[in-house]
N, C-alpha and C. Protein backbone atom coordinates (compact mmCIF):
# COMPACT_ATOMS: atom_id res chain seq x y z
N ASN A 1 0.13 -61.74 -2.39
CA ASN A 1 -0.33 -60.61 -3.17
C ASN A 1 0.76 -59.54 -3.16
N ASN A 2 1.44 -59.35 -4.28
CA ASN A 2 2.52 -58.37 -4.35
C ASN A 2 1.99 -57.07 -4.97
N THR A 3 1.58 -56.14 -4.11
CA THR A 3 1.15 -54.83 -4.60
C THR A 3 2.14 -53.79 -4.10
N THR A 4 2.46 -52.87 -4.96
CA THR A 4 3.38 -51.79 -4.56
C THR A 4 2.56 -50.52 -4.40
N ILE A 5 2.90 -49.77 -3.39
CA ILE A 5 2.22 -48.51 -3.14
C ILE A 5 3.21 -47.39 -3.42
N ASP A 6 2.79 -46.48 -4.28
CA ASP A 6 3.64 -45.33 -4.60
C ASP A 6 3.82 -44.49 -3.35
N PRO A 7 5.03 -43.97 -3.13
CA PRO A 7 5.23 -43.09 -1.98
C PRO A 7 4.46 -41.79 -2.20
N PRO A 8 4.09 -41.11 -1.11
CA PRO A 8 3.35 -39.85 -1.28
C PRO A 8 4.22 -38.79 -1.95
N VAL A 9 3.63 -38.09 -2.88
CA VAL A 9 4.33 -37.02 -3.60
C VAL A 9 3.48 -35.76 -3.54
N PHE A 10 4.13 -34.66 -3.22
CA PHE A 10 3.48 -33.35 -3.22
C PHE A 10 4.50 -32.39 -3.83
N THR A 11 4.28 -31.99 -5.07
CA THR A 11 5.22 -31.11 -5.77
C THR A 11 4.64 -29.71 -5.80
N LEU A 12 5.25 -28.83 -5.03
CA LEU A 12 4.81 -27.45 -4.92
C LEU A 12 5.63 -26.60 -5.89
N LYS A 13 4.94 -25.99 -6.85
CA LYS A 13 5.64 -25.17 -7.84
C LYS A 13 5.69 -23.70 -7.43
N SER A 14 4.92 -23.33 -6.42
CA SER A 14 4.90 -21.96 -5.92
C SER A 14 6.05 -21.74 -4.94
N ASP A 15 6.38 -20.48 -4.70
CA ASP A 15 7.41 -20.15 -3.73
C ASP A 15 6.96 -20.53 -2.32
N ARG A 16 7.90 -20.85 -1.47
CA ARG A 16 7.59 -21.20 -0.08
C ARG A 16 7.46 -19.96 0.80
N LEU A 17 7.87 -18.83 0.27
CA LEU A 17 7.68 -17.55 0.95
C LEU A 17 7.02 -16.61 -0.04
N ILE A 18 5.84 -16.14 0.31
CA ILE A 18 5.10 -15.21 -0.54
C ILE A 18 5.06 -13.88 0.19
N GLU A 19 5.67 -12.84 -0.41
CA GLU A 19 5.66 -11.50 0.15
C GLU A 19 4.87 -10.60 -0.77
N VAL A 20 3.87 -9.91 -0.21
CA VAL A 20 2.99 -9.09 -1.02
C VAL A 20 2.87 -7.69 -0.43
N ALA A 21 2.44 -6.75 -1.27
CA ALA A 21 2.21 -5.37 -0.84
C ALA A 21 0.94 -5.31 0.00
N SER A 22 0.59 -4.11 0.45
CA SER A 22 -0.54 -3.97 1.37
C SER A 22 -1.90 -4.00 0.67
N ASN A 23 -1.95 -3.88 -0.65
CA ASN A 23 -3.24 -3.85 -1.34
C ASN A 23 -3.81 -5.26 -1.52
N ASN A 24 -5.05 -5.35 -2.04
CA ASN A 24 -5.68 -6.64 -2.30
C ASN A 24 -4.83 -7.43 -3.28
N GLN A 25 -4.69 -8.71 -3.03
CA GLN A 25 -3.86 -9.56 -3.88
C GLN A 25 -4.56 -10.88 -4.14
N VAL A 26 -4.28 -11.47 -5.29
CA VAL A 26 -4.64 -12.85 -5.56
C VAL A 26 -3.36 -13.54 -6.03
N VAL A 27 -2.96 -14.58 -5.31
CA VAL A 27 -1.74 -15.32 -5.62
C VAL A 27 -2.15 -16.73 -5.99
N VAL A 28 -1.56 -17.28 -7.05
CA VAL A 28 -1.87 -18.64 -7.48
C VAL A 28 -0.90 -19.61 -6.81
N ILE A 29 -1.45 -20.62 -6.16
CA ILE A 29 -0.67 -21.69 -5.54
C ILE A 29 -0.80 -22.91 -6.46
N ASP A 30 0.33 -23.32 -7.02
CA ASP A 30 0.37 -24.37 -8.03
C ASP A 30 1.06 -25.60 -7.44
N PHE A 31 0.35 -26.74 -7.44
CA PHE A 31 0.95 -27.97 -6.92
C PHE A 31 0.32 -29.20 -7.56
N THR A 32 1.04 -30.31 -7.44
CA THR A 32 0.56 -31.62 -7.90
C THR A 32 0.80 -32.61 -6.77
N THR A 33 -0.16 -33.50 -6.55
CA THR A 33 0.00 -34.52 -5.53
C THR A 33 -0.65 -35.83 -5.97
N ASN A 34 -0.14 -36.94 -5.42
CA ASN A 34 -0.74 -38.24 -5.73
C ASN A 34 -1.56 -38.75 -4.54
N ARG A 35 -1.92 -37.86 -3.61
CA ARG A 35 -2.71 -38.22 -2.44
C ARG A 35 -3.83 -37.21 -2.23
N ASP A 36 -4.85 -37.63 -1.48
CA ASP A 36 -5.86 -36.68 -1.01
C ASP A 36 -5.15 -35.67 -0.13
N TRP A 37 -5.62 -34.44 -0.12
CA TRP A 37 -4.94 -33.40 0.63
C TRP A 37 -5.96 -32.49 1.32
N SER A 38 -5.49 -31.76 2.30
CA SER A 38 -6.29 -30.71 2.94
C SER A 38 -5.34 -29.55 3.25
N ALA A 39 -5.91 -28.38 3.49
CA ALA A 39 -5.09 -27.20 3.75
C ALA A 39 -5.75 -26.34 4.81
N ILE A 40 -4.92 -25.68 5.62
CA ILE A 40 -5.40 -24.70 6.59
C ILE A 40 -4.49 -23.48 6.55
N ILE A 41 -5.08 -22.34 6.91
CA ILE A 41 -4.32 -21.10 7.01
C ILE A 41 -4.38 -20.64 8.46
N GLU A 42 -3.22 -20.37 9.02
CA GLU A 42 -3.14 -19.89 10.39
C GLU A 42 -2.63 -18.45 10.38
N THR A 43 -3.35 -17.58 11.11
CA THR A 43 -2.94 -16.18 11.27
C THR A 43 -2.98 -15.83 12.75
N GLU A 44 -2.23 -14.81 13.11
CA GLU A 44 -2.25 -14.35 14.50
C GLU A 44 -3.51 -13.54 14.79
N GLU A 45 -4.05 -12.88 13.79
CA GLU A 45 -5.25 -12.08 13.96
C GLU A 45 -6.48 -12.98 13.95
N SER A 46 -7.56 -12.48 14.51
CA SER A 46 -8.78 -13.28 14.55
C SER A 46 -9.55 -13.21 13.23
N ASN A 47 -9.27 -12.21 12.40
CA ASN A 47 -10.02 -12.09 11.15
C ASN A 47 -9.37 -12.93 10.04
N ASP A 48 -10.17 -13.25 9.06
CA ASP A 48 -9.69 -14.08 7.94
C ASP A 48 -9.31 -13.18 6.77
N TRP A 49 -8.12 -12.62 6.80
CA TRP A 49 -7.67 -11.71 5.75
C TRP A 49 -7.01 -12.46 4.59
N CYS A 50 -6.82 -13.76 4.78
CA CYS A 50 -6.13 -14.59 3.80
C CYS A 50 -6.97 -15.87 3.61
N ARG A 51 -7.44 -16.12 2.37
CA ARG A 51 -8.34 -17.24 2.12
C ARG A 51 -7.90 -18.04 0.90
N LEU A 52 -8.04 -19.35 0.98
CA LEU A 52 -7.70 -20.25 -0.12
C LEU A 52 -9.00 -20.66 -0.83
N SER A 53 -8.96 -20.77 -2.15
CA SER A 53 -10.18 -21.09 -2.90
C SER A 53 -10.71 -22.50 -2.63
N MET A 54 -9.84 -23.42 -2.21
CA MET A 54 -10.25 -24.78 -1.83
C MET A 54 -9.46 -25.19 -0.59
N SER A 55 -10.08 -25.98 0.26
CA SER A 55 -9.36 -26.41 1.46
C SER A 55 -9.08 -27.92 1.47
N GLU A 56 -9.55 -28.63 0.46
CA GLU A 56 -9.24 -30.07 0.37
C GLU A 56 -9.50 -30.57 -1.04
N GLY A 57 -8.90 -31.72 -1.36
CA GLY A 57 -9.10 -32.28 -2.69
C GLY A 57 -8.51 -33.67 -2.82
N LYS A 58 -8.71 -34.24 -3.97
CA LYS A 58 -8.20 -35.57 -4.30
C LYS A 58 -6.84 -35.43 -4.98
N ALA A 59 -6.21 -36.53 -5.27
CA ALA A 59 -4.94 -36.52 -6.00
C ALA A 59 -5.14 -35.80 -7.33
N GLY A 60 -4.14 -35.02 -7.76
CA GLY A 60 -4.25 -34.33 -9.03
C GLY A 60 -3.38 -33.08 -9.09
N LYS A 61 -3.62 -32.30 -10.12
CA LYS A 61 -2.87 -31.05 -10.35
C LYS A 61 -3.81 -29.90 -10.02
N TYR A 62 -3.29 -28.92 -9.27
CA TYR A 62 -4.14 -27.82 -8.81
C TYR A 62 -3.47 -26.47 -9.02
N GLU A 63 -4.31 -25.47 -9.28
CA GLU A 63 -3.92 -24.06 -9.28
C GLU A 63 -4.96 -23.36 -8.41
N LEU A 64 -4.65 -23.17 -7.14
CA LEU A 64 -5.59 -22.57 -6.21
C LEU A 64 -5.35 -21.08 -6.10
N SER A 65 -6.42 -20.35 -5.83
CA SER A 65 -6.31 -18.91 -5.62
C SER A 65 -6.20 -18.62 -4.14
N LEU A 66 -5.18 -17.87 -3.78
CA LEU A 66 -5.00 -17.40 -2.42
C LEU A 66 -5.37 -15.92 -2.43
N LYS A 67 -6.51 -15.59 -1.81
CA LYS A 67 -7.01 -14.22 -1.81
C LYS A 67 -6.56 -13.53 -0.53
N ILE A 68 -5.89 -12.40 -0.70
CA ILE A 68 -5.35 -11.65 0.43
C ILE A 68 -5.99 -10.27 0.43
N ASP A 69 -6.64 -9.93 1.55
CA ASP A 69 -7.31 -8.64 1.68
C ASP A 69 -6.31 -7.52 1.91
N LYS A 70 -6.72 -6.31 1.58
CA LYS A 70 -5.90 -5.12 1.80
C LYS A 70 -5.58 -4.99 3.29
N ASN A 71 -4.33 -4.67 3.57
CA ASN A 71 -3.90 -4.45 4.95
C ASN A 71 -4.03 -2.97 5.27
N LEU A 72 -4.96 -2.61 6.13
CA LEU A 72 -5.17 -1.22 6.50
C LEU A 72 -4.42 -0.84 7.77
N ALA A 73 -3.76 -1.81 8.37
CA ALA A 73 -3.02 -1.57 9.61
C ALA A 73 -1.64 -0.98 9.30
N GLU A 74 -1.06 -0.35 10.31
CA GLU A 74 0.26 0.25 10.16
C GLU A 74 1.36 -0.72 10.56
N TYR A 75 1.08 -2.00 10.51
CA TYR A 75 2.08 -3.03 10.80
C TYR A 75 1.91 -4.18 9.80
N ALA A 76 3.00 -4.86 9.53
CA ALA A 76 2.96 -6.00 8.62
C ALA A 76 2.26 -7.17 9.32
N ARG A 77 1.80 -8.12 8.53
CA ARG A 77 1.18 -9.30 9.11
C ARG A 77 1.62 -10.54 8.37
N GLU A 78 1.48 -11.69 9.06
CA GLU A 78 1.95 -12.95 8.50
C GLU A 78 0.89 -14.03 8.67
N ALA A 79 0.97 -15.01 7.77
CA ALA A 79 0.10 -16.18 7.84
C ALA A 79 0.91 -17.39 7.43
N LYS A 80 0.41 -18.56 7.81
CA LYS A 80 1.07 -19.80 7.42
C LYS A 80 0.02 -20.68 6.75
N LEU A 81 0.32 -21.09 5.52
CA LEU A 81 -0.55 -22.00 4.76
C LEU A 81 0.09 -23.38 4.80
N SER A 82 -0.64 -24.36 5.36
CA SER A 82 -0.11 -25.72 5.48
C SER A 82 -0.97 -26.69 4.69
N PHE A 83 -0.30 -27.53 3.91
CA PHE A 83 -0.97 -28.60 3.17
C PHE A 83 -0.65 -29.92 3.87
N PHE A 84 -1.65 -30.78 4.03
CA PHE A 84 -1.47 -32.09 4.68
C PHE A 84 -1.88 -33.18 3.71
N TYR A 85 -1.03 -34.23 3.60
CA TYR A 85 -1.31 -35.35 2.71
C TYR A 85 -0.59 -36.57 3.27
N ASP A 86 -1.31 -37.65 3.46
CA ASP A 86 -0.73 -38.95 3.85
C ASP A 86 0.30 -38.83 4.98
N ASN A 87 -0.09 -38.18 6.10
CA ASN A 87 0.78 -37.98 7.26
C ASN A 87 2.02 -37.13 6.96
N CYS A 88 1.98 -36.34 5.90
CA CYS A 88 3.07 -35.42 5.55
C CYS A 88 2.49 -34.01 5.46
N SER A 89 3.36 -33.03 5.42
CA SER A 89 2.88 -31.66 5.28
C SER A 89 3.89 -30.79 4.53
N GLU A 90 3.38 -29.75 3.94
CA GLU A 90 4.17 -28.72 3.25
C GLU A 90 3.65 -27.37 3.72
N THR A 91 4.54 -26.41 3.89
CA THR A 91 4.14 -25.11 4.43
C THR A 91 4.62 -23.97 3.54
N ILE A 92 3.76 -22.95 3.41
CA ILE A 92 4.09 -21.71 2.71
C ILE A 92 3.88 -20.57 3.69
N GLU A 93 4.87 -19.69 3.79
CA GLU A 93 4.74 -18.49 4.63
C GLU A 93 4.24 -17.35 3.77
N ILE A 94 3.31 -16.57 4.33
CA ILE A 94 2.75 -15.42 3.63
C ILE A 94 3.04 -14.19 4.48
N LYS A 95 3.67 -13.18 3.89
CA LYS A 95 3.97 -11.93 4.59
C LYS A 95 3.39 -10.78 3.78
N GLN A 96 2.57 -9.98 4.44
CA GLN A 96 1.98 -8.82 3.78
C GLN A 96 2.49 -7.55 4.45
N ARG A 97 2.95 -6.63 3.61
CA ARG A 97 3.51 -5.36 4.08
C ARG A 97 2.43 -4.51 4.75
N GLU A 98 2.86 -3.65 5.65
CA GLU A 98 1.94 -2.73 6.31
C GLU A 98 1.39 -1.73 5.31
N HIS A 99 0.27 -1.13 5.68
CA HIS A 99 -0.36 -0.09 4.86
C HIS A 99 0.54 1.15 4.88
N LEU A 100 0.98 1.56 3.73
CA LEU A 100 1.80 2.77 3.62
C LEU A 100 0.87 3.96 3.40
N PHE A 101 1.14 5.04 4.10
CA PHE A 101 0.26 6.19 3.96
C PHE A 101 1.04 7.49 4.08
N VAL A 102 0.47 8.49 3.47
CA VAL A 102 0.89 9.88 3.63
C VAL A 102 -0.39 10.65 3.86
N ASP A 103 -0.44 11.42 4.94
CA ASP A 103 -1.65 12.16 5.26
C ASP A 103 -1.27 13.59 5.64
N VAL A 104 -2.09 14.54 5.21
CA VAL A 104 -1.86 15.94 5.56
C VAL A 104 -3.07 16.47 6.32
N ASP A 105 -2.84 17.55 7.11
CA ASP A 105 -3.93 18.14 7.89
C ASP A 105 -5.12 18.51 7.02
N ASN A 106 -4.85 19.16 5.91
CA ASN A 106 -5.90 19.60 4.99
C ASN A 106 -5.46 19.29 3.56
N ASP A 107 -6.43 19.10 2.70
CA ASP A 107 -6.13 18.90 1.28
C ASP A 107 -6.03 20.23 0.55
N THR A 108 -6.62 21.29 1.13
CA THR A 108 -6.65 22.60 0.48
C THR A 108 -6.21 23.67 1.47
N TYR A 109 -5.33 24.57 1.03
CA TYR A 109 -4.85 25.70 1.83
C TYR A 109 -5.12 26.98 1.07
N VAL A 110 -5.54 28.02 1.80
CA VAL A 110 -5.82 29.31 1.19
C VAL A 110 -4.80 30.31 1.72
N VAL A 111 -4.19 31.03 0.78
CA VAL A 111 -3.12 31.99 1.11
C VAL A 111 -3.58 33.37 0.67
N GLU A 112 -3.25 34.37 1.47
CA GLU A 112 -3.58 35.77 1.12
C GLU A 112 -2.76 36.20 -0.09
N SER A 113 -3.16 37.29 -0.71
CA SER A 113 -2.51 37.75 -1.95
C SER A 113 -1.05 38.13 -1.74
N GLN A 114 -0.67 38.59 -0.54
CA GLN A 114 0.72 38.99 -0.32
C GLN A 114 1.67 37.81 -0.24
N GLY A 115 1.14 36.57 -0.20
CA GLY A 115 1.99 35.39 -0.19
C GLY A 115 2.65 35.18 1.16
N GLY A 116 3.75 34.49 1.18
CA GLY A 116 4.47 34.21 2.41
C GLY A 116 4.76 32.74 2.55
N GLU A 117 5.15 32.35 3.75
CA GLU A 117 5.51 30.96 4.00
C GLU A 117 4.27 30.17 4.40
N LEU A 118 4.14 28.98 3.84
CA LEU A 118 3.02 28.08 4.14
C LEU A 118 3.60 26.78 4.70
N SER A 119 3.14 26.39 5.87
CA SER A 119 3.57 25.12 6.48
C SER A 119 2.42 24.12 6.41
N VAL A 120 2.73 22.93 5.95
CA VAL A 120 1.74 21.86 5.82
C VAL A 120 2.19 20.70 6.69
N ASN A 121 1.38 20.35 7.70
CA ASN A 121 1.71 19.22 8.57
C ASN A 121 1.38 17.92 7.86
N LEU A 122 2.33 17.00 7.90
CA LEU A 122 2.21 15.73 7.18
C LEU A 122 2.59 14.59 8.12
N GLU A 123 1.82 13.50 8.04
CA GLU A 123 2.14 12.29 8.79
C GLU A 123 2.32 11.17 7.79
N SER A 124 3.36 10.36 7.99
CA SER A 124 3.68 9.31 7.02
C SER A 124 4.43 8.17 7.70
N ASN A 125 4.26 6.96 7.15
CA ASN A 125 5.07 5.84 7.63
C ASN A 125 5.95 5.29 6.51
N THR A 126 6.20 6.11 5.50
CA THR A 126 7.03 5.69 4.37
C THR A 126 7.80 6.89 3.83
N ASP A 127 8.78 6.63 3.01
CA ASP A 127 9.51 7.70 2.34
C ASP A 127 8.60 8.38 1.34
N PHE A 128 8.82 9.66 1.13
CA PHE A 128 8.01 10.40 0.17
C PHE A 128 8.86 11.47 -0.48
N SER A 129 8.37 11.98 -1.59
CA SER A 129 9.01 13.10 -2.27
C SER A 129 7.94 14.13 -2.58
N VAL A 130 8.36 15.39 -2.72
CA VAL A 130 7.42 16.47 -2.97
C VAL A 130 7.75 17.07 -4.32
N SER A 131 6.72 17.30 -5.13
CA SER A 131 6.95 17.91 -6.44
C SER A 131 5.90 18.99 -6.70
N VAL A 132 6.36 20.08 -7.31
CA VAL A 132 5.49 21.17 -7.72
C VAL A 132 5.72 21.35 -9.22
N ASP A 133 4.64 21.26 -10.00
CA ASP A 133 4.74 21.43 -11.44
C ASP A 133 5.29 22.83 -11.76
N LYS A 134 6.15 22.93 -12.77
CA LYS A 134 6.80 24.19 -13.14
C LYS A 134 5.80 25.29 -13.50
N LYS A 135 4.61 24.92 -13.94
CA LYS A 135 3.63 25.95 -14.31
C LYS A 135 3.10 26.69 -13.09
N TYR A 136 3.33 26.15 -11.89
CA TYR A 136 2.97 26.85 -10.65
C TYR A 136 4.23 27.47 -10.05
N ASP A 137 4.89 28.32 -10.84
CA ASP A 137 6.18 28.88 -10.43
C ASP A 137 6.06 29.83 -9.24
N TRP A 138 4.88 30.14 -8.83
CA TRP A 138 4.66 31.01 -7.67
C TRP A 138 4.68 30.21 -6.36
N ILE A 139 4.79 28.87 -6.45
CA ILE A 139 4.91 28.01 -5.28
C ILE A 139 6.31 27.40 -5.28
N SER A 140 7.06 27.62 -4.20
CA SER A 140 8.40 27.04 -4.09
C SER A 140 8.44 26.12 -2.87
N TYR A 141 8.88 24.90 -3.10
CA TYR A 141 9.06 23.97 -1.99
C TYR A 141 10.40 24.28 -1.35
N ILE A 142 10.38 24.61 -0.06
CA ILE A 142 11.60 25.02 0.63
C ILE A 142 12.26 23.85 1.35
N ALA A 143 11.49 23.18 2.21
CA ALA A 143 12.12 22.15 3.04
C ALA A 143 11.08 21.26 3.70
N THR A 144 11.58 20.16 4.23
CA THR A 144 10.79 19.29 5.10
C THR A 144 11.44 19.34 6.46
N LYS A 145 10.66 19.71 7.45
CA LYS A 145 11.14 19.69 8.83
C LYS A 145 10.60 18.40 9.44
N ALA A 146 11.49 17.45 9.69
CA ALA A 146 11.04 16.12 10.12
C ALA A 146 11.25 15.92 11.62
N THR A 147 10.19 15.49 12.25
CA THR A 147 10.24 14.98 13.61
C THR A 147 9.48 13.68 13.55
N LYS A 148 8.61 13.38 14.51
CA LYS A 148 7.75 12.21 14.39
C LYS A 148 6.79 12.43 13.22
N GLU A 149 6.33 13.66 13.13
CA GLU A 149 5.54 14.07 11.98
C GLU A 149 6.41 15.04 11.19
N SER A 150 6.06 15.31 9.97
CA SER A 150 6.84 16.22 9.14
C SER A 150 6.06 17.49 8.88
N THR A 151 6.79 18.56 8.60
CA THR A 151 6.17 19.80 8.18
C THR A 151 6.80 20.19 6.85
N LEU A 152 5.96 20.29 5.83
CA LEU A 152 6.42 20.74 4.52
C LEU A 152 6.31 22.26 4.51
N VAL A 153 7.34 22.92 4.04
CA VAL A 153 7.35 24.39 4.03
C VAL A 153 7.43 24.87 2.59
N PHE A 154 6.51 25.75 2.24
CA PHE A 154 6.45 26.32 0.89
C PHE A 154 6.53 27.83 0.99
N GLN A 155 7.17 28.46 0.01
CA GLN A 155 7.18 29.91 -0.10
C GLN A 155 6.21 30.27 -1.22
N ILE A 156 5.25 31.12 -0.90
CA ILE A 156 4.25 31.55 -1.88
C ILE A 156 4.57 33.01 -2.23
N THR A 157 4.79 33.28 -3.51
CA THR A 157 5.08 34.66 -3.91
C THR A 157 3.79 35.47 -3.92
N ALA A 158 3.94 36.77 -3.86
CA ALA A 158 2.78 37.67 -3.86
C ALA A 158 2.04 37.55 -5.19
N ASN A 159 0.73 37.71 -5.11
CA ASN A 159 -0.11 37.70 -6.30
C ASN A 159 -0.53 39.15 -6.55
N SER A 160 0.00 39.76 -7.60
CA SER A 160 -0.31 41.16 -7.88
C SER A 160 -1.56 41.32 -8.74
N SER A 161 -2.12 40.21 -9.17
CA SER A 161 -3.32 40.24 -10.00
C SER A 161 -4.56 40.27 -9.10
N VAL A 162 -5.68 40.80 -9.65
CA VAL A 162 -6.93 40.75 -8.90
C VAL A 162 -7.56 39.36 -8.97
N ASP A 163 -7.08 38.55 -9.88
CA ASP A 163 -7.60 37.19 -10.03
C ASP A 163 -6.88 36.25 -9.06
N GLY A 164 -7.66 35.40 -8.42
CA GLY A 164 -7.06 34.37 -7.58
C GLY A 164 -6.41 33.31 -8.44
N ARG A 165 -5.63 32.47 -7.84
CA ARG A 165 -4.99 31.39 -8.60
C ARG A 165 -4.92 30.14 -7.73
N THR A 166 -4.82 29.01 -8.42
CA THR A 166 -4.79 27.71 -7.75
C THR A 166 -3.62 26.91 -8.27
N GLY A 167 -2.88 26.28 -7.36
CA GLY A 167 -1.76 25.42 -7.74
C GLY A 167 -1.84 24.12 -6.97
N TYR A 168 -1.12 23.13 -7.44
CA TYR A 168 -1.17 21.81 -6.84
C TYR A 168 0.23 21.31 -6.51
N VAL A 169 0.35 20.63 -5.38
CA VAL A 169 1.60 20.03 -4.95
C VAL A 169 1.32 18.54 -4.80
N ASN A 170 2.23 17.71 -5.29
CA ASN A 170 2.09 16.27 -5.15
C ASN A 170 3.11 15.75 -4.14
N VAL A 171 2.61 14.94 -3.21
CA VAL A 171 3.49 14.22 -2.29
C VAL A 171 3.42 12.76 -2.75
N ASN A 172 4.51 12.27 -3.31
CA ASN A 172 4.55 10.94 -3.92
C ASN A 172 5.18 9.93 -2.97
N TYR A 173 4.59 8.75 -2.91
CA TYR A 173 5.15 7.64 -2.14
C TYR A 173 4.85 6.35 -2.89
N SER A 174 5.40 5.24 -2.44
CA SER A 174 5.36 4.01 -3.23
C SER A 174 3.95 3.49 -3.51
N ASP A 175 2.98 3.75 -2.62
CA ASP A 175 1.62 3.25 -2.84
C ASP A 175 0.67 4.28 -3.44
N GLY A 176 1.17 5.48 -3.77
CA GLY A 176 0.26 6.46 -4.35
C GLY A 176 0.79 7.87 -4.30
N THR A 177 -0.14 8.82 -4.45
CA THR A 177 0.17 10.24 -4.44
C THR A 177 -0.89 10.96 -3.62
N LYS A 178 -0.44 11.86 -2.78
CA LYS A 178 -1.35 12.73 -2.03
C LYS A 178 -1.26 14.10 -2.66
N LYS A 179 -2.39 14.65 -3.11
CA LYS A 179 -2.40 15.95 -3.79
C LYS A 179 -2.84 17.03 -2.80
N ILE A 180 -2.09 18.13 -2.78
CA ILE A 180 -2.41 19.29 -1.95
C ILE A 180 -2.77 20.44 -2.88
N THR A 181 -3.89 21.10 -2.61
CA THR A 181 -4.33 22.25 -3.39
C THR A 181 -3.98 23.52 -2.63
N ILE A 182 -3.36 24.47 -3.32
CA ILE A 182 -3.05 25.77 -2.72
C ILE A 182 -3.77 26.84 -3.54
N ARG A 183 -4.66 27.56 -2.87
CA ARG A 183 -5.41 28.64 -3.52
C ARG A 183 -4.91 29.96 -2.95
N GLN A 184 -4.66 30.91 -3.85
CA GLN A 184 -4.21 32.22 -3.41
C GLN A 184 -5.17 33.28 -3.91
N ALA A 185 -5.57 34.15 -3.00
CA ALA A 185 -6.48 35.23 -3.36
C ALA A 185 -5.76 36.26 -4.21
N GLY A 186 -6.53 37.00 -5.00
CA GLY A 186 -5.98 38.13 -5.74
C GLY A 186 -6.00 39.37 -4.87
N VAL A 187 -5.33 40.42 -5.31
CA VAL A 187 -5.35 41.67 -4.55
C VAL A 187 -6.70 42.33 -4.71
N ASP A 188 -7.07 43.12 -3.72
CA ASP A 188 -8.33 43.86 -3.82
C ASP A 188 -8.19 44.93 -4.90
N PRO A 189 -9.20 45.07 -5.75
CA PRO A 189 -9.10 46.09 -6.80
C PRO A 189 -9.12 47.49 -6.20
N ILE A 190 -8.39 48.38 -6.82
CA ILE A 190 -8.34 49.78 -6.35
C ILE A 190 -9.28 50.60 -7.23
N LEU A 191 -10.24 51.24 -6.59
CA LEU A 191 -11.19 52.08 -7.33
C LEU A 191 -10.75 53.54 -7.21
N GLU A 192 -10.70 54.21 -8.32
CA GLU A 192 -10.31 55.64 -8.30
C GLU A 192 -11.51 56.49 -8.61
């Protein structure tokens, strides 16, 4: 009986290294195989932050969804996705970036009418930039004093009006924007 057996084939069309941002992700894993297969995901953490839509199947063409949960930790994490078929295996490494954040002590600061210097304590694990819209010309960004935490320093000009005013400062970073509200009181009215 002369029967020939095709050698096992597993053609992975996806990258062998998948690097993703810290937010929720769905990555498509595209492969074709001529054998029954199974898959497992190994992580160092005890939680299942990375899940495959199927863990086994028959010979054929597949587009599986790899669901990756948002990383809320301040450190990157890794997983290994392994496919097994006919005593062979293929591996994909998954690396997810740490949660990037910018946080300030308060979202709103109140300044007296005479103005002056305002310091805002900021904590961050990423680069950031500070912007003040030109229409809030009474707020000037002076400097960032950086240590382990940063202090943003603003100069607030005096408000000679009896009406209070509100301005906004944006702290921009790669995963978003942190908005700071600055409210300044008006001067007390003078009664004659």
